[in-house]
Amino acid sequence: MSLELLTELNHWPAGRVREMAAKASPADIDRALKREERTPADLCALLSPAAVSRLEDMAREAQRLTRWHFGRTIGMYVPLYISNVCGADCTYCGYAVRSGNKEKRRTLTETEIRRECEALAAEGFQSVLLLTGEARRAVPPSTIADAASIAREYFPSVAVEIYSLDQPDYEELYRRGVDGVTIYMETYDRETYGRVHLIGEKMDYDYRLGASERAGKAGIRRLSVGALLGLFDWRVDGFWTALHARHLQRACWQSSVSISFPRLQHVPERFDIPALVTDKELVQLMLAMRLFLPEAGFNLSTRERPEFRDKLIPLGVTTMSAGSSTRPGGYTTYGEETLEQFEIEDTRPPKEVAKAIRAAGYEPVWKDYDYAFDQE
C-alpha cells in the first residue's frame, strides 16, 4: 500500500476534519467557491454546516465544471452479478456469510453468464460491471477472468467490482479485457472498519486501501472508489474519499478516476445504520466533491429513488446504472430465486432512465470507450 496515501490520510484525522468544518465561516466558503483549484481546507469548508445555505451557489459551479469537463452526457452501465457466494461477514451486507439470509447462493456457469450478457446487450448496454461476493476460493481470479473474456464478446467496456487482488491478478484481468475496477473502502475509519468486517480477507484494511492503486499500476484504465455512506460520519468519510481519489489521479495518472456514492438504506435485520445520510447531505457531499475534483467521474447507482436520481443528474453525475439486478442470474436465468445483495430503489427499465436523462437536457451514452484503443 502507498505510504504517501496513508501519510496523507493520517495527516487529516477525523477530529481535525470535524473541527475545521465546524469552524468554517461564510468567508471561508466564499474563498472556496472563488478558487479555481481547491485545497483540503476548502473542501472542509464546502462540507461544513455553514455551507448548507450556499448549496445553490455550489450547484451552479458544480454544473459548470461538469459540463466543461464532460459535456452534457451521462454514461450508461449495468451490473452483472456472477456469484453471491461470500466468505466474509460484513455486517451491513445481504451477502454476508452470517447475514441470516436463507435464499439460494449460486455462482453462474459460463453458459449462464453468456445468457445474461446476451440479454443485457440486447437492451442496448455496451458497458457492464461484473460483481461477486468476497469468496476467493469459490470464485478465484481465474474464474473472474474467464467471465470477463465472455463479457468482452458482448460489451466494448468491461469492469469488475470484486474482492481485492494482487497486482499480477489485475494484470491478468487487464489482458482478458477488463478496463475498469471499482472497489469501495466502505469506510476509511479504521475502528469502524474493524467493527463491521468480522471474517475473511476483507478484514485487512491496508490491503483493501491499496487495491485501486495496484489495479492502476496493472494498466486498468478506469478506477472507481467510494465510501458506503451511513457507516461513519459522511463529512469525514467523504473527505477521505476525496483525498484517496486525488492521490489516485496523481499516482495512476494514466487512469481516469471516478467516485461512487452508495448510500445505506436497506440492510439485514441484525444491522442498524449508525450514521444515516439525508438527501440534502448527499447533495452537499456530491457538490463539494465536484468542486474539489472537477475532473473525476461521478457514478450513481439504482440504490436511489427514481425522482431523486433525476434531480441529481445536473449536479455532477457522469455515469448511471439502469435496469439493475443484484442477484446472480437476475436478468434471465434465475429471476428472484437467488439471494440479492441489496434492494434497489430505481426499478425503471433502461429506456425509461435514458428518457429521463434526455428530459434533463443530457444525452445518454451507451459506449464511450473501446478496449481496442489500448492495443498495439
Protein backbone atom coordinates (compact mmCIF):
# COMPACT_ATOMS: atom_id res chain seq x y z
CA MET A 1 0.00 0.00 0.00
CA SER A 2 1.18 3.53 -0.75
CA LEU A 3 2.83 5.14 2.27
CA GLU A 4 2.11 8.51 0.66
CA LEU A 5 -1.66 7.88 0.77
CA LEU A 6 -1.56 6.56 4.32
CA THR A 7 0.52 9.54 5.45
CA GLU A 8 -1.96 11.98 3.90
CA LEU A 9 -4.97 10.27 5.50
CA ASN A 10 -3.21 10.26 8.86
CA HIS A 11 -2.47 13.98 8.42
CA TRP A 12 -6.23 14.56 8.35
CA PRO A 13 -7.69 12.64 11.33
CA ALA A 14 -11.45 12.72 11.87
CA GLY A 15 -11.15 15.23 14.71
CA ARG A 16 -9.29 17.71 12.53
CA VAL A 17 -11.78 17.42 9.66
CA ARG A 18 -14.75 17.86 12.01
CA GLU A 19 -13.15 20.84 13.76
CA MET A 20 -12.35 22.65 10.52
CA ALA A 21 -15.84 22.00 9.19
CA ALA A 22 -17.43 23.22 12.42
CA LYS A 23 -15.35 26.42 12.40
CA ALA A 24 -15.85 27.26 8.73
CA SER A 25 -17.12 30.79 8.24
CA PRO A 26 -19.07 32.38 5.37
CA ALA A 27 -15.78 33.99 4.28
CA ASP A 28 -14.13 30.53 4.09
CA ILE A 29 -16.92 29.30 1.86
CA ASP A 30 -16.69 32.38 -0.35
CA ARG A 31 -12.97 31.80 -0.84
CA ALA A 32 -13.53 28.13 -1.62
CA LEU A 33 -16.16 28.98 -4.23
CA LYS A 34 -13.91 31.54 -5.93
CA ARG A 35 -10.80 29.38 -6.22
CA GLU A 36 -10.00 27.54 -9.42
CA GLU A 37 -8.02 24.84 -7.57
CA ARG A 38 -9.34 23.94 -4.14
CA THR A 39 -7.36 22.71 -1.15
CA PRO A 40 -8.37 20.16 1.51
CA ALA A 41 -9.17 23.11 3.76
CA ASP A 42 -11.54 24.42 1.09
CA LEU A 43 -13.17 21.00 0.94
CA CYS A 44 -13.75 21.12 4.70
CA ALA A 45 -15.46 24.48 4.26
CA LEU A 46 -17.68 23.18 1.45
CA LEU A 47 -18.67 20.17 3.58
CA SER A 48 -19.41 22.34 6.61
CA PRO A 49 -22.80 23.07 8.20
CA ALA A 50 -22.25 26.71 7.24
CA ALA A 51 -22.16 25.77 3.55
CA VAL A 52 -25.74 24.47 3.58
CA SER A 53 -27.03 27.98 2.88
CA ARG A 54 -24.78 28.14 -0.20
CA LEU A 55 -25.90 24.92 -1.88
CA GLU A 56 -27.40 26.79 -4.85
CA ASP A 57 -24.11 28.59 -5.47
CA MET A 58 -22.24 25.29 -5.16
CA ALA A 59 -24.69 23.64 -7.55
CA ARG A 60 -24.16 26.29 -10.23
CA GLU A 61 -20.39 25.89 -10.02
CA ALA A 62 -20.64 22.09 -9.96
CA GLN A 63 -22.83 22.14 -13.06
CA ARG A 64 -20.42 24.47 -14.86
CA LEU A 65 -17.40 22.32 -14.05
CA THR A 66 -19.13 19.09 -15.03
CA ARG A 67 -20.25 20.46 -18.38
CA TRP A 68 -16.79 21.88 -19.03
CA HIS A 69 -15.05 18.56 -18.44
CA PHE A 70 -17.71 16.05 -19.51
CA GLY A 71 -20.23 17.91 -21.65
CA ARG A 72 -23.94 17.11 -21.47
CA THR A 73 -23.53 13.35 -21.45
CA ILE A 74 -24.33 10.56 -18.99
CA GLY A 75 -22.69 7.18 -19.49
CA MET A 76 -24.92 4.12 -19.07
CA TYR A 77 -23.79 0.86 -17.48
CA VAL A 78 -25.34 -2.24 -15.94
CA PRO A 79 -24.17 -4.50 -13.09
CA LEU A 80 -23.96 -8.26 -13.68
CA TYR A 81 -23.55 -10.41 -10.56
CA ILE A 82 -21.78 -13.66 -11.38
CA SER A 83 -21.81 -15.01 -7.80
CA ASN A 84 -23.38 -14.29 -4.42
CA VAL A 85 -21.20 -16.81 -2.56
CA CYS A 86 -19.34 -14.95 0.18
CA GLY A 87 -16.86 -15.93 2.87
CA ALA A 88 -16.77 -12.51 4.55
CA ASP A 89 -19.01 -11.23 7.32
CA CYS A 90 -19.70 -7.59 6.52
CA THR A 91 -22.48 -6.84 9.00
CA TYR A 92 -24.28 -4.38 6.67
CA CYS A 93 -24.44 -6.69 3.62
CA GLY A 94 -27.05 -9.17 2.48
CA TYR A 95 -24.36 -11.45 1.06
CA ALA A 96 -22.51 -11.80 4.40
CA VAL A 97 -21.88 -15.38 5.45
CA ARG A 98 -23.68 -14.75 8.76
CA SER A 99 -26.39 -12.42 7.43
CA GLY A 100 -29.10 -14.93 8.28
CA ASN A 101 -30.45 -14.88 4.72
CA LYS A 102 -31.68 -18.27 3.51
CA GLU A 103 -32.11 -17.53 -0.20
CA LYS A 104 -30.07 -19.51 -2.69
CA ARG A 105 -26.42 -18.77 -3.32
CA ARG A 106 -25.10 -19.50 -6.79
CA THR A 107 -22.10 -18.96 -9.00
CA LEU A 108 -23.11 -18.66 -12.63
CA THR A 109 -21.73 -21.13 -15.14
CA GLU A 110 -20.12 -19.86 -18.33
CA THR A 111 -23.32 -20.71 -20.20
CA GLU A 112 -25.40 -18.73 -17.72
CA ILE A 113 -23.03 -15.75 -17.88
CA ARG A 114 -23.33 -15.78 -21.65
CA ARG A 115 -27.12 -15.87 -21.43
CA GLU A 116 -27.14 -12.85 -19.09
CA CYS A 117 -24.73 -10.96 -21.36
CA GLU A 118 -26.88 -11.62 -24.42
CA ALA A 119 -29.96 -10.23 -22.66
CA LEU A 120 -28.20 -7.09 -21.45
CA ALA A 121 -26.55 -6.42 -24.80
CA ALA A 122 -30.00 -6.72 -26.41
CA GLU A 123 -31.17 -3.90 -24.09
CA GLY A 124 -28.53 -1.65 -25.66
CA PHE A 125 -25.89 -1.75 -22.93
CA GLN A 126 -22.28 -1.59 -24.06
CA SER A 127 -20.71 -1.20 -20.63
CA VAL A 128 -21.01 -3.90 -17.95
CA LEU A 129 -19.79 -4.20 -14.36
CA LEU A 130 -19.12 -7.78 -13.17
CA LEU A 131 -19.59 -8.36 -9.43
CA THR A 132 -19.01 -11.18 -6.95
CA GLY A 133 -19.05 -11.76 -3.22
CA GLU A 134 -15.87 -11.97 -1.14
CA ALA A 135 -15.10 -15.61 -1.93
CA ARG A 136 -11.66 -16.16 -3.42
CA ARG A 137 -11.86 -19.97 -3.05
CA ALA A 138 -15.32 -20.35 -4.56
CA VAL A 139 -14.73 -17.74 -7.28
CA PRO A 140 -10.97 -17.45 -7.85
CA PRO A 141 -9.42 -14.73 -10.03
CA SER A 142 -9.20 -17.21 -12.92
CA THR A 143 -12.99 -17.66 -12.89
CA ILE A 144 -13.49 -13.90 -12.92
CA ALA A 145 -11.03 -13.59 -15.80
CA ASP A 146 -12.96 -16.22 -17.75
CA ALA A 147 -16.20 -14.30 -17.10
CA ALA A 148 -14.54 -11.11 -18.33
CA SER A 149 -13.48 -12.84 -21.53
CA ILE A 150 -17.08 -13.88 -22.16
CA ALA A 151 -18.39 -10.39 -21.39
CA ARG A 152 -15.88 -8.86 -23.81
CA GLU A 153 -17.63 -10.74 -26.62
CA TYR A 154 -20.74 -8.66 -25.94
CA PHE A 155 -19.55 -5.35 -24.43
CA PRO A 156 -16.78 -2.96 -25.54
CA SER A 157 -16.25 -1.97 -21.89
CA VAL A 158 -15.98 -4.48 -19.02
CA ALA A 159 -15.30 -3.51 -15.41
CA VAL A 160 -15.23 -5.54 -12.19
CA GLU A 161 -16.29 -4.94 -8.60
CA ILE A 162 -14.77 -7.85 -6.69
CA TYR A 163 -12.54 -8.62 -3.70
CA SER A 164 -9.06 -7.05 -3.50
CA LEU A 165 -6.35 -8.61 -5.66
CA ASP A 166 -2.57 -8.57 -6.04
CA GLN A 167 -1.16 -6.60 -8.96
CA PRO A 168 -0.40 -9.71 -11.11
CA ASP A 169 -4.08 -10.74 -10.84
CA TYR A 170 -5.16 -7.28 -12.02
CA GLU A 171 -2.66 -7.56 -14.87
CA GLU A 172 -4.31 -10.81 -15.95
CA LEU A 173 -7.75 -9.21 -15.82
CA TYR A 174 -6.42 -6.40 -17.98
CA ARG A 175 -5.09 -8.91 -20.51
CA ARG A 176 -8.53 -10.55 -20.58
CA GLY A 177 -10.27 -7.29 -21.47
CA VAL A 178 -11.10 -5.60 -18.15
CA ASP A 179 -10.75 -1.82 -18.40
CA GLY A 180 -12.29 -0.77 -15.07
CA VAL A 181 -12.02 -1.69 -11.39
CA THR A 182 -14.46 -0.49 -8.74
CA ILE A 183 -13.55 -1.06 -5.12
CA TYR A 184 -15.14 0.70 -2.16
CA MET A 185 -13.22 1.18 1.03
CA GLU A 186 -16.69 1.06 2.68
CA THR A 187 -15.35 3.32 5.45
CA TYR A 188 -11.92 4.88 5.87
CA ASP A 189 -12.28 4.95 9.65
CA ARG A 190 -10.15 2.06 10.93
CA GLU A 191 -12.16 1.49 14.10
CA THR A 192 -15.48 1.37 12.27
CA TYR A 193 -13.93 -0.74 9.51
CA GLY A 194 -12.85 -3.36 12.03
CA ARG A 195 -16.25 -3.33 13.72
CA VAL A 196 -18.23 -4.09 10.55
CA HIS A 197 -15.85 -6.56 8.87
CA LEU A 198 -15.68 -9.61 11.11
CA ILE A 199 -14.48 -12.53 8.95
CA GLY A 200 -12.39 -13.01 5.83
CA GLU A 201 -9.68 -11.28 3.84
CA LYS A 202 -11.68 -8.07 3.77
CA MET A 203 -10.70 -7.54 7.41
CA ASP A 204 -7.28 -6.35 6.15
CA TYR A 205 -7.77 -2.57 5.96
CA ASP A 206 -4.38 -1.76 4.46
CA TYR A 207 -4.62 -4.41 1.73
CA ARG A 208 -8.01 -3.11 0.62
CA LEU A 209 -6.87 0.52 0.75
CA GLY A 210 -4.06 -0.23 -1.70
CA ALA A 211 -6.14 -2.25 -4.16
CA SER A 212 -7.11 0.59 -6.51
CA GLU A 213 -3.52 1.72 -6.87
CA ARG A 214 -2.40 -1.85 -7.62
CA ALA A 215 -5.08 -2.02 -10.32
CA GLY A 216 -3.91 1.27 -11.81
CA LYS A 217 -0.31 0.12 -11.91
CA ALA A 218 -1.52 -3.06 -13.65
CA GLY A 219 -2.82 -0.97 -16.55
CA ILE A 220 -6.51 -0.72 -15.64
CA ARG A 221 -7.84 2.38 -17.39
CA ARG A 222 -10.75 3.30 -15.09
CA LEU A 223 -10.58 3.31 -11.28
CA SER A 224 -13.65 3.92 -9.13
CA VAL A 225 -13.65 4.44 -5.35
CA GLY A 226 -16.20 5.36 -2.72
CA ALA A 227 -17.34 5.08 0.87
CA LEU A 228 -20.51 3.26 1.89
CA LEU A 229 -22.40 6.25 3.22
CA GLY A 230 -24.03 5.57 6.57
CA LEU A 231 -21.26 3.59 8.23
CA PHE A 232 -19.47 6.67 9.57
CA ASP A 233 -19.69 10.47 9.63
CA TRP A 234 -20.46 11.35 6.00
CA ARG A 235 -18.39 14.53 6.07
CA VAL A 236 -15.26 12.72 7.23
CA ASP A 237 -15.62 9.63 5.05
CA GLY A 238 -16.42 11.87 2.08
CA PHE A 239 -13.35 13.99 2.80
CA TRP A 240 -11.12 10.91 2.98
CA THR A 241 -12.65 9.51 -0.21
CA ALA A 242 -11.74 12.75 -1.97
CA LEU A 243 -8.15 12.53 -0.73
CA HIS A 244 -7.97 8.93 -1.96
CA ALA A 245 -9.32 9.88 -5.38
CA ARG A 246 -6.89 12.79 -5.69
CA HIS A 247 -4.00 10.52 -4.73
CA LEU A 248 -5.01 8.05 -7.46
CA GLN A 249 -5.18 10.84 -10.03
CA ARG A 250 -1.54 11.59 -9.28
CA ALA A 251 -0.17 8.08 -8.70
CA CYS A 252 -2.09 6.45 -11.58
CA TRP A 253 -2.13 9.39 -13.96
CA GLN A 254 -2.82 7.19 -16.99
CA SER A 255 -6.12 6.04 -15.46
CA SER A 256 -9.32 8.02 -15.09
CA VAL A 257 -10.69 8.17 -11.56
CA SER A 258 -14.34 8.25 -10.58
CA ILE A 259 -16.28 8.30 -7.32
CA SER A 260 -19.44 6.46 -6.37
CA PHE A 261 -21.89 7.49 -3.65
CA PRO A 262 -23.54 4.28 -2.39
CA ARG A 263 -25.89 5.11 0.49
CA LEU A 264 -27.04 2.50 3.01
CA GLN A 265 -30.82 2.21 3.04
CA HIS A 266 -31.80 -1.48 3.08
CA VAL A 267 -29.72 -3.65 5.43
CA PRO A 268 -30.03 -7.05 7.17
CA GLU A 269 -32.17 -7.16 10.31
CA ARG A 270 -29.15 -7.60 12.57
CA PHE A 271 -27.65 -4.24 11.46
CA ASP A 272 -28.67 -0.71 12.41
CA ILE A 273 -27.30 2.05 10.19
CA PRO A 274 -25.13 4.12 12.55
CA ALA A 275 -24.99 7.39 10.58
CA LEU A 276 -27.97 7.80 8.25
CA VAL A 277 -27.33 10.24 5.42
CA THR A 278 -30.18 12.51 4.31
CA ASP A 279 -30.92 13.58 0.74
CA LYS A 280 -29.66 17.10 1.43
CA GLU A 281 -26.43 15.77 2.96
CA LEU A 282 -25.82 13.56 -0.07
CA VAL A 283 -26.35 16.54 -2.36
CA GLN A 284 -23.90 18.66 -0.35
CA LEU A 285 -21.31 15.88 -0.43
CA MET A 286 -21.57 15.47 -4.19
CA LEU A 287 -21.36 19.21 -4.82
CA ALA A 288 -18.36 19.68 -2.52
CA MET A 289 -16.51 16.79 -4.11
CA ARG A 290 -17.24 18.04 -7.63
CA LEU A 291 -15.70 21.41 -6.74
CA PHE A 292 -12.66 19.68 -5.21
CA LEU A 293 -12.27 17.10 -8.01
CA PRO A 294 -13.57 18.70 -11.23
CA GLU A 295 -12.10 16.01 -13.50
CA ALA A 296 -13.39 12.97 -11.57
CA GLY A 297 -16.32 10.98 -12.88
CA PHE A 298 -19.34 10.58 -10.60
CA ASN A 299 -21.27 7.29 -10.62
CA LEU A 300 -24.86 6.98 -9.44
CA SER A 301 -26.46 3.58 -8.85
CA THR A 302 -30.04 2.38 -8.60
CA ARG A 303 -29.83 2.46 -4.79
CA GLU A 304 -31.52 5.87 -5.02
CA ARG A 305 -35.18 6.66 -5.77
CA PRO A 306 -36.04 7.47 -9.40
CA GLU A 307 -37.18 11.03 -8.73
CA PHE A 308 -34.10 11.76 -6.62
CA ARG A 309 -31.76 10.29 -9.23
CA ASP A 310 -33.32 12.51 -11.88
CA LYS A 311 -32.72 15.62 -9.75
CA LEU A 312 -29.08 14.67 -9.20
CA ILE A 313 -28.27 14.44 -12.92
CA PRO A 314 -27.26 18.12 -13.35
CA LEU A 315 -25.21 18.18 -10.12
CA GLY A 316 -22.12 16.35 -11.30
CA VAL A 317 -23.26 12.86 -12.30
CA THR A 318 -21.40 11.40 -15.29
CA THR A 319 -22.47 7.72 -15.29
CA MET A 320 -25.63 5.92 -14.17
CA SER A 321 -26.71 2.31 -13.92
CA ALA A 322 -30.16 1.24 -15.08
CA GLY A 323 -32.37 -1.82 -15.11
CA SER A 324 -30.23 -3.35 -12.37
CA SER A 325 -30.47 -6.67 -10.57
CA THR A 326 -28.28 -7.53 -7.56
CA ARG A 327 -28.93 -11.27 -7.89
CA PRO A 328 -26.78 -13.74 -9.88
CA GLY A 329 -28.84 -14.70 -12.90
CA GLY A 330 -31.34 -11.97 -12.08
CA TYR A 331 -31.93 -10.91 -15.68
CA THR A 332 -32.81 -14.16 -17.46
CA THR A 333 -31.62 -17.21 -15.56
CA TYR A 334 -32.98 -17.35 -12.01
CA GLY A 335 -35.17 -14.27 -11.61
CA GLU A 336 -35.86 -13.78 -7.90
CA GLU A 337 -34.75 -17.26 -6.84
CA THR A 338 -31.28 -16.20 -5.70
CA LEU A 339 -30.09 -14.02 -2.82
CA GLU A 340 -29.79 -10.32 -3.65
CA GLN A 341 -27.05 -8.13 -2.19
CA PHE A 342 -29.38 -5.21 -1.50
CA GLU A 343 -32.78 -3.96 -2.59
CA ILE A 344 -32.71 -1.39 -5.38
CA GLU A 345 -34.91 1.72 -5.43
CA ASP A 346 -34.93 2.64 -9.12
CA THR A 347 -36.56 -0.25 -10.95
CA ARG A 348 -37.20 1.61 -14.20
CA PRO A 349 -36.15 -0.15 -17.42
CA PRO A 350 -33.08 1.25 -19.21
CA LYS A 351 -35.07 3.04 -21.92
CA GLU A 352 -37.08 4.91 -19.29
CA VAL A 353 -33.91 6.03 -17.48
CA ALA A 354 -32.46 7.17 -20.81
CA LYS A 355 -35.66 9.15 -21.43
CA ALA A 356 -35.30 10.86 -18.03
CA ILE A 357 -31.70 11.77 -18.85
CA ARG A 358 -32.79 13.40 -22.09
CA ALA A 359 -35.58 15.24 -20.28
CA ALA A 360 -32.92 16.75 -18.01
CA GLY A 361 -31.09 18.11 -21.03
CA TYR A 362 -28.38 15.45 -21.23
CA GLU A 363 -27.59 12.69 -23.68
CA PRO A 364 -27.32 9.06 -22.55
CA VAL A 365 -24.14 7.47 -23.88
CA TRP A 366 -24.08 3.70 -24.21
CA LYS A 367 -20.47 3.49 -25.39
CA ASP A 368 -17.59 5.93 -24.90
CA TYR A 369 -14.59 3.58 -24.95
CA ASP A 370 -13.30 0.54 -26.77
CA TYR A 371 -10.65 -1.80 -25.40
CA ALA A 372 -9.08 -1.85 -28.87
CA PHE A 373 -7.74 1.64 -28.20
CA ASP A 374 -5.26 0.12 -25.76
CA GLN A 375 -3.96 -2.49 -28.18
CA GLU A 376 -0.77 -2.01 -30.15
